[in-house]
Protein backbone atom coordinates (compact mmCIF):
# COMPACT_ATOMS: atom_id res chain seq x y z
CA MET A 1 -0.29 0.20 0.05
CA LEU A 2 1.06 3.47 -1.01
CA GLY A 3 -0.50 6.32 0.96
CA ALA A 4 0.06 10.22 0.61
CA HIS A 5 -2.22 13.36 1.14
CA THR A 6 -3.52 15.85 -1.21
CA ASP A 7 -4.04 18.82 0.90
CA SER A 8 -1.22 21.82 1.23
CA PRO A 9 -1.28 25.32 3.50
CA ASN A 10 -2.97 27.87 2.00
CA LEU A 11 -5.56 30.64 2.60
CA ARG A 12 -9.54 29.32 2.42
CA VAL A 13 -12.46 31.71 2.20
CA LYS A 14 -14.82 31.88 4.78
CA ALA A 15 -18.84 31.51 5.02
CA ARG A 16 -19.18 35.52 5.18
CA PRO A 17 -16.17 36.67 2.74
CA ASN A 18 -17.41 40.13 1.73
CA THR A 19 -15.51 42.58 3.78
CA GLY A 20 -13.45 45.67 2.73
CA ALA A 21 -11.84 48.87 4.52
CA ALA A 22 -10.48 51.97 3.17
CA GLY A 23 -12.27 51.69 -0.27
CA TYR A 24 -11.01 48.58 -1.13
CA ARG A 25 -13.25 45.20 -1.54
CA GLN A 26 -11.74 42.47 0.25
CA LEU A 27 -11.95 38.38 0.67
CA GLY A 28 -12.29 37.16 4.42
CA VAL A 29 -9.75 34.22 4.65
CA GLU A 30 -8.62 31.65 7.07
CA VAL A 31 -5.18 30.15 7.14
CA TYR A 32 -5.10 26.37 6.58
CA GLY A 33 -2.57 24.34 8.32
CA GLY A 34 1.03 25.52 8.84
CA VAL A 35 1.70 28.44 6.25
CA LEU A 36 4.73 30.33 5.87
CA LEU A 37 2.32 33.60 5.66
CA ASN A 38 5.16 35.67 4.18
CA SER A 39 5.57 33.71 1.18
CA TRP A 40 1.72 34.68 0.19
CA LEU A 41 2.35 38.39 0.20
CA ASP A 42 2.61 40.14 -3.25
CA ARG A 43 1.52 37.10 -5.05
CA ASP A 44 -1.11 37.22 -7.75
CA LEU A 45 -3.83 34.70 -6.76
CA GLY A 46 -6.54 32.79 -8.34
CA LEU A 47 -9.71 30.82 -6.78
CA SER A 48 -10.26 27.07 -6.74
CA GLY A 49 -11.94 24.55 -4.87
CA ARG A 50 -15.71 23.36 -4.88
CA VAL A 51 -19.02 24.96 -4.84
CA MET A 52 -22.66 23.79 -3.76
CA VAL A 53 -25.09 25.34 -5.93
CA ARG A 54 -28.82 24.79 -5.57
CA GLN A 55 -30.68 22.79 -8.42
CA GLY A 56 -34.59 23.15 -7.37
CA LYS A 57 -34.61 21.06 -4.15
CA ALA A 58 -31.34 19.37 -4.74
CA LEU A 59 -27.90 19.91 -4.21
CA GLU A 60 -25.28 20.07 -6.98
CA PRO A 61 -21.45 20.55 -6.38
CA ARG A 62 -19.41 22.05 -8.79
CA LEU A 63 -15.62 22.07 -9.05
CA PHE A 64 -14.31 25.48 -9.63
CA LEU A 65 -11.17 26.93 -10.91
CA SER A 66 -10.02 30.48 -12.04
CA ASN A 67 -6.53 30.85 -12.85
CA ARG A 68 -7.05 34.84 -13.31
CA ALA A 69 -5.38 37.22 -11.28
CA LEU A 70 -8.09 37.73 -8.64
CA ALA A 71 -6.54 38.72 -5.52
CA ARG A 72 -3.61 39.93 -3.93
CA VAL A 73 -2.40 40.49 -0.23
CA PRO A 74 0.01 43.76 -0.30
CA GLN A 75 3.10 44.08 1.91
CA LEU A 76 3.05 47.60 3.84
CA ALA A 77 5.86 49.46 2.24
CA ILE A 78 9.03 49.82 3.79
CA HIS A 79 8.59 53.39 4.21
CA LEU A 80 5.90 52.58 6.94
CA ASP A 81 7.83 49.99 8.51
CA ARG A 82 11.77 51.08 8.34
CA GLU A 83 12.52 48.30 10.98
CA VAL A 84 11.08 45.43 8.95
CA ASN A 85 14.49 44.02 7.90
CA SER A 86 16.26 43.90 11.08
CA ARG A 87 13.12 42.93 13.34
CA GLY A 88 11.87 40.76 11.07
CA LEU A 89 8.39 40.52 9.69
CA VAL A 90 5.41 39.69 12.13
CA LEU A 91 2.18 38.90 10.42
CA ASP A 92 -1.38 38.55 12.30
CA PRO A 93 -3.44 35.81 10.25
CA GLN A 94 -6.41 38.05 11.58
CA LEU A 95 -5.18 41.63 10.42
CA HIS A 96 -2.83 41.21 7.74
CA MET A 97 -3.58 38.42 5.62
CA THR A 98 -6.97 39.80 4.06
CA PRO A 99 -6.51 40.09 0.28
CA ILE A 100 -7.90 42.88 -1.89
CA TRP A 101 -9.74 42.02 -4.92
CA GLY A 102 -11.54 45.24 -6.03
CA LEU A 103 -12.77 48.86 -5.28
CA GLY A 104 -15.44 50.28 -3.93
CA ARG A 105 -18.18 49.49 -1.26
CA SER A 106 -18.24 46.03 0.04
CA ASP A 107 -20.75 44.08 -1.59
CA GLU A 108 -23.00 41.65 0.70
CA LEU A 109 -23.24 38.96 -2.22
CA GLY A 110 -19.59 40.04 -4.04
CA LEU A 111 -18.19 36.61 -3.98
CA GLN A 112 -21.62 34.93 -4.86
CA ARG A 113 -22.13 37.37 -7.82
CA PHE A 114 -18.84 36.24 -8.95
CA LEU A 115 -19.39 32.66 -8.48
CA GLY A 116 -22.83 32.82 -10.21
CA ASN A 117 -21.50 34.52 -13.13
CA GLU A 118 -18.48 31.99 -13.65
CA LEU A 119 -20.85 28.80 -12.93
CA GLY A 120 -23.72 29.95 -15.03
CA CYS A 121 -26.45 30.48 -12.00
CA GLU A 122 -27.85 33.04 -10.06
CA PRO A 123 -25.98 34.44 -7.05
CA VAL A 124 -28.45 33.46 -4.57
CA ASP A 125 -28.30 29.81 -5.59
CA VAL A 126 -24.55 29.54 -4.54
CA LEU A 127 -25.07 28.13 -1.13
CA SER A 128 -21.57 27.12 0.25
CA TRP A 129 -18.06 26.59 -0.59
CA ASP A 130 -14.97 24.87 0.14
CA LEU A 131 -12.47 27.46 -1.71
CA MET A 132 -9.00 28.52 -1.40
CA LEU A 133 -6.56 30.76 -2.94
CA HIS A 134 -3.59 29.55 -4.95
CA ASP A 135 -0.30 30.83 -6.89
CA ILE A 136 -1.39 30.99 -10.63
CA ALA A 137 2.38 31.13 -11.50
CA PRO A 138 3.24 28.15 -13.47
CA ALA A 139 5.74 25.39 -12.15
CA THR A 140 9.18 26.22 -13.98
CA PHE A 141 12.81 24.46 -13.90
CA LEU A 142 15.27 26.39 -12.01
CA GLY A 143 18.94 26.43 -12.23
CA ALA A 144 21.91 27.05 -14.39
CA SER A 145 21.26 23.38 -15.88
CA ASN A 146 17.65 22.79 -14.91
CA GLU A 147 18.52 21.05 -11.70
CA PHE A 148 15.67 21.98 -9.44
CA VAL A 149 11.78 22.22 -9.93
CA CYS A 150 9.96 25.52 -8.52
CA ALA A 151 6.23 24.67 -8.25
CA PRO A 152 3.10 25.50 -5.68
CA ARG A 153 1.79 22.34 -3.53
CA LEU A 154 4.93 20.13 -4.07
CA ASP A 155 4.04 19.34 -0.62
CA ASN A 156 2.37 16.70 -1.01
CA LEU A 157 1.42 16.76 -4.86
CA CYS A 158 4.51 15.66 -5.77
CA SER A 159 4.51 12.48 -3.59
CA SER A 160 0.75 11.90 -4.98
CA TRP A 161 2.13 11.73 -8.35
CA CYS A 162 4.83 9.60 -7.67
CA ALA A 163 2.58 7.09 -5.85
CA LEU A 164 0.02 7.20 -8.66
CA GLN A 165 2.41 6.58 -11.14
CA ALA A 166 3.94 3.70 -9.41
CA VAL A 167 0.82 1.91 -8.82
CA ALA A 168 -0.70 2.44 -12.45
CA SER A 169 2.70 0.73 -13.65
CA HIS A 170 2.49 -1.99 -11.17
CA SER A 171 1.90 -5.63 -12.79
CA GLY A 172 1.07 -7.74 -9.77
CA GLY A 173 0.95 -11.19 -10.57
CA ASP A 174 1.69 -12.72 -7.16
CA GLY A 175 -2.05 -12.24 -5.74
CA ALA A 176 -0.83 -8.82 -3.68
CA ILE A 177 -3.28 -5.82 -4.11
CA ALA A 178 -1.62 -2.71 -5.03
CA VAL A 179 -3.39 0.43 -2.74
CA LEU A 180 -3.31 3.57 -3.24
CA CYS A 181 -4.51 5.94 -0.65
CA LEU A 182 -4.37 9.83 -1.36
CA PHE A 183 -6.00 11.67 2.21
CA ASP A 184 -7.34 14.88 2.58
CA HIS A 185 -6.60 17.10 5.76
CA GLU A 186 -3.20 15.79 6.85
CA GLU A 187 -1.90 19.57 7.24
CA VAL A 188 -4.72 19.99 10.10
CA GLY A 189 -4.39 16.66 12.05
CA SER A 190 -6.30 14.07 9.31
CA THR A 191 -8.99 14.19 11.85
CA SER A 192 -12.10 14.15 9.27
CA THR A 193 -13.95 12.00 6.87
CA ARG A 194 -11.41 12.28 4.30
CA GLY A 195 -8.81 12.38 6.44
CA ALA A 196 -6.26 9.13 7.68
CA GLN A 197 -8.10 9.22 11.28
CA GLY A 198 -11.02 8.46 9.45
CA PRO A 199 -12.62 4.98 8.66
CA LEU A 200 -12.51 5.06 4.77
CA LEU A 201 -9.36 3.39 4.56
CA ILE A 202 -9.83 0.44 6.88
CA ASP A 203 -13.36 0.08 5.30
CA VAL A 204 -12.41 -0.24 1.89
CA LEU A 205 -9.46 -2.87 2.55
CA GLU A 206 -11.96 -5.22 4.24
CA ARG A 207 -14.52 -4.96 1.45
CA LEU A 208 -11.43 -5.92 -0.50
CA VAL A 209 -11.02 -8.99 1.23
CA LEU A 210 -14.75 -9.35 1.30
CA ALA A 211 -15.23 -9.23 -2.59
CA GLY A 212 -12.41 -11.89 -3.04
CA GLY A 213 -14.22 -14.50 -0.94
CA GLY A 214 -12.36 -13.79 2.40
CA GLY A 215 -13.82 -13.24 5.41
CA ARG A 216 -12.96 -11.34 9.11
CA GLU A 217 -9.91 -13.96 9.69
CA GLU A 218 -8.51 -13.21 5.99
CA PHE A 219 -8.74 -9.67 6.44
CA HIS A 220 -6.55 -9.60 9.52
CA ARG A 221 -4.32 -11.93 7.67
CA ALA A 222 -3.90 -9.63 4.79
CA ILE A 223 -3.25 -6.61 7.23
CA ALA A 224 -0.61 -8.69 8.96
CA LYS A 225 1.24 -9.44 5.64
CA SER A 226 0.93 -6.09 4.00
CA PHE A 227 3.26 -3.08 3.93
CA CYS A 228 2.57 0.42 3.72
CA ALA A 229 4.58 3.29 2.17
CA SER A 230 3.65 6.61 3.60
CA ILE A 231 5.00 9.28 1.14
CA ASP A 232 5.45 12.90 2.12
CA MET A 233 8.02 15.51 1.20
CA ALA A 234 11.33 15.57 3.23
CA HIS A 235 13.56 18.55 4.35
CA ALA A 236 16.56 19.19 2.06
CA THR A 237 19.42 20.73 4.11
CA HIS A 238 19.19 24.33 3.74
CA PRO A 239 22.63 25.92 2.77
CA ASN A 240 21.65 29.17 4.80
CA TYR A 241 20.40 27.30 7.95
CA ARG A 242 23.05 24.47 8.48
CA GLU A 243 22.39 24.82 11.87
CA LYS A 244 19.39 23.84 11.64
CA HIS A 245 19.71 20.28 10.60
CA GLU A 246 21.01 17.03 12.11
CA PRO A 247 24.72 17.21 11.12
CA GLU A 248 25.19 13.67 10.54
CA HIS A 249 21.95 13.32 8.17
CA TRP A 250 22.40 15.98 5.85
CA ILE A 251 19.66 15.29 2.72
CA ALA A 252 21.01 16.59 -0.58
CA LEU A 253 18.32 17.47 -3.19
CA ASN A 254 18.67 15.09 -6.42
CA GLY A 255 20.17 12.65 -3.76
CA GLY A 256 17.33 10.11 -4.03
CA PRO A 257 14.48 9.13 -1.80
CA VAL A 258 14.63 10.06 1.66
CA ILE A 259 13.89 7.65 4.42
CA LYS A 260 12.44 9.44 7.26
CA LEU A 261 13.29 7.91 10.94
CA ASN A 262 12.12 9.43 14.46
CA THR A 263 12.52 7.04 17.37
CA ASN A 264 9.50 9.35 19.01
CA GLN A 265 7.31 8.02 16.28
CA ARG A 266 6.58 10.94 14.61
CA TYR A 267 7.59 9.01 11.43
CA ALA A 268 6.33 5.21 11.71
CA THR A 269 9.76 3.79 9.89
CA ASP A 270 11.43 0.89 12.14
CA ALA A 271 14.87 -1.05 11.26
CA GLU A 272 12.33 -3.43 9.27
CA GLY A 273 10.97 -0.82 7.08
CA GLU A 274 13.96 1.12 6.60
CA ALA A 275 15.78 -2.26 5.24
CA GLU A 276 12.83 -3.16 2.98
CA PHE A 277 12.90 0.30 1.08
CA GLN A 278 16.37 0.72 1.15
CA LEU A 279 16.69 -3.26 -0.58
CA ALA A 280 13.27 -2.40 -3.09
CA ALA A 281 15.49 1.13 -4.28
CA GLU A 282 18.64 -0.53 -4.48
CA SER A 283 17.19 -3.08 -6.61
CA VAL A 284 16.04 -0.69 -9.39
CA GLY A 285 19.56 1.45 -8.94
CA VAL A 286 18.37 4.14 -6.83
CA ARG A 287 20.12 5.34 -3.82
CA VAL A 288 18.42 6.15 -0.68
CA GLN A 289 18.88 8.96 1.88
CA LYS A 290 18.11 8.82 5.53
CA TYR A 291 16.44 11.77 7.28
CA PHE A 292 17.02 12.25 11.21
CA HIS A 293 15.42 15.87 12.60
CA ARG A 294 17.80 17.71 15.10
CA SER A 295 17.18 16.45 18.37
CA ASN A 296 16.65 19.93 19.79
CA LEU A 297 13.88 21.24 17.63
CA ALA A 298 10.14 19.68 17.54
CA CYS A 299 9.55 17.24 14.46
CA GLY A 300 6.58 16.92 12.08
CA THR A 301 4.89 14.23 11.43
CA THR A 302 2.60 12.13 8.65
CA ILE A 303 0.14 10.16 8.23
CA GLY A 304 2.49 7.39 8.55
CA PRO A 305 2.06 6.98 12.30
CA LEU A 306 -1.86 7.11 11.97
CA THR A 307 -2.04 4.66 9.38
CA ALA A 308 0.47 2.05 11.28
CA ALA A 309 -1.63 2.70 14.56
CA ARG A 310 -5.14 2.51 12.99
CA LEU A 311 -4.56 -0.64 11.05
CA GLY A 312 -1.54 -2.22 12.68
CA MET A 313 0.26 -2.52 9.58
CA ARG A 314 3.96 -2.55 9.00
CA THR A 315 4.83 1.12 7.76
CA VAL A 316 7.71 2.89 6.69
CA ASP A 317 7.85 6.73 6.20
CA VAL A 318 9.63 8.04 2.87
CA GLY A 319 9.47 11.28 0.50
CA SER A 320 11.57 13.62 -1.66
CA PRO A 321 13.81 16.06 -0.47
CA GLN A 322 12.60 19.74 -1.01
CA LEU A 323 13.04 23.35 0.27
CA SER A 324 10.81 26.05 1.20
CA MET A 325 8.31 23.76 2.78
CA HIS A 326 4.80 25.09 3.20
CA SER A 327 5.73 28.01 0.96
CA ILE A 328 3.45 29.24 -1.58
CA ARG A 329 6.17 27.90 -4.04
CA GLU A 330 8.15 25.27 -3.07
CA LEU A 331 11.45 23.73 -4.81
CA CYS A 332 12.57 20.35 -5.00
CA GLY A 333 15.07 18.52 -7.32
CA ALA A 334 14.28 17.57 -10.86
CA GLU A 335 15.60 14.29 -10.89
CA ASP A 336 13.82 13.28 -7.39
CA PRO A 337 10.16 12.79 -8.39
CA ALA A 338 11.30 9.91 -11.51
CA ALA A 339 14.00 8.06 -8.56
CA MET A 340 10.99 7.98 -5.99
CA GLU A 341 8.79 6.58 -8.73
CA LEU A 342 11.01 3.68 -9.56
CA ALA A 343 11.83 3.09 -5.70
CA LEU A 344 7.88 2.99 -5.28
CA GLY A 345 7.33 0.68 -7.82
CA ALA A 346 9.95 -1.63 -6.92
CA PHE A 347 8.58 -1.52 -3.02
CA LEU A 348 5.18 -2.72 -4.35
CA ARG A 349 6.73 -5.41 -6.09
CA ARG A 350 8.87 -6.91 -3.42
């Protein structure tokens, strides 16, 4: 089994978003996840997500995407904050992150009118939404020799892509079922119907066994024989902040997949998982790196420990290295996604 998550930290639109001040129309937003707030300043922002539209007495969900430059969070000019470079930038999520998206008085149905025009419905029929702002700049190669990829939401869509490609190319043939699970809400704790702490995964796995003619005993035996790779992006060593990294476990971009280890179970990897993934990668000529968080810094976590605890399934935490994690635009090595895909494919075949 391969597991990853699809959500990324961003700014999400509130239920009553139409606000404004000083002659500007603004959108009320809430910070989702561990956002590097400063990276959202002075960016051209689009709008995307899901909108619930009334159709008579029924509800119709509509996927929505606008890559127009709709909104912007302007930074305060240095002339009005002379000490910002020496004191550091301090941003209040409530006061300083409200984007502008027009001029004039606030319209009580401003966003609903915009969505209605875009979706071909009346503003009053736009009932609710799960909408977020996003950077509209396209992904790019970066570097003198195109060594890097710079893109929004690498954490964790890059891992999701690698896992999807590995499962799609998996030939099977040994009686095993290759499973891919892509969860939502990892960035805010995974406690939801679509998160890793919800019942979806264990229900689907049990139904797969039942559909194959097995019962509860066969289900538990299948879990005991199975192995999960939890794939989430990993921290590469930052050249300007080397003191923030464990000195004996530096991680290089384009250095191959990272096996993530933490003795306090912030990652689910144990010695067996570490060795299994290493052998899988070596079998297809992919080298691996091993990450430990610096001991005097709090370590993040993944869906790995949650999946391991809920299922009792052996689990290894891995990821491709990156810089600028949780920025609006992140950076990884151009060679690392393909290396991760190869390693995951070999992991599925073990």
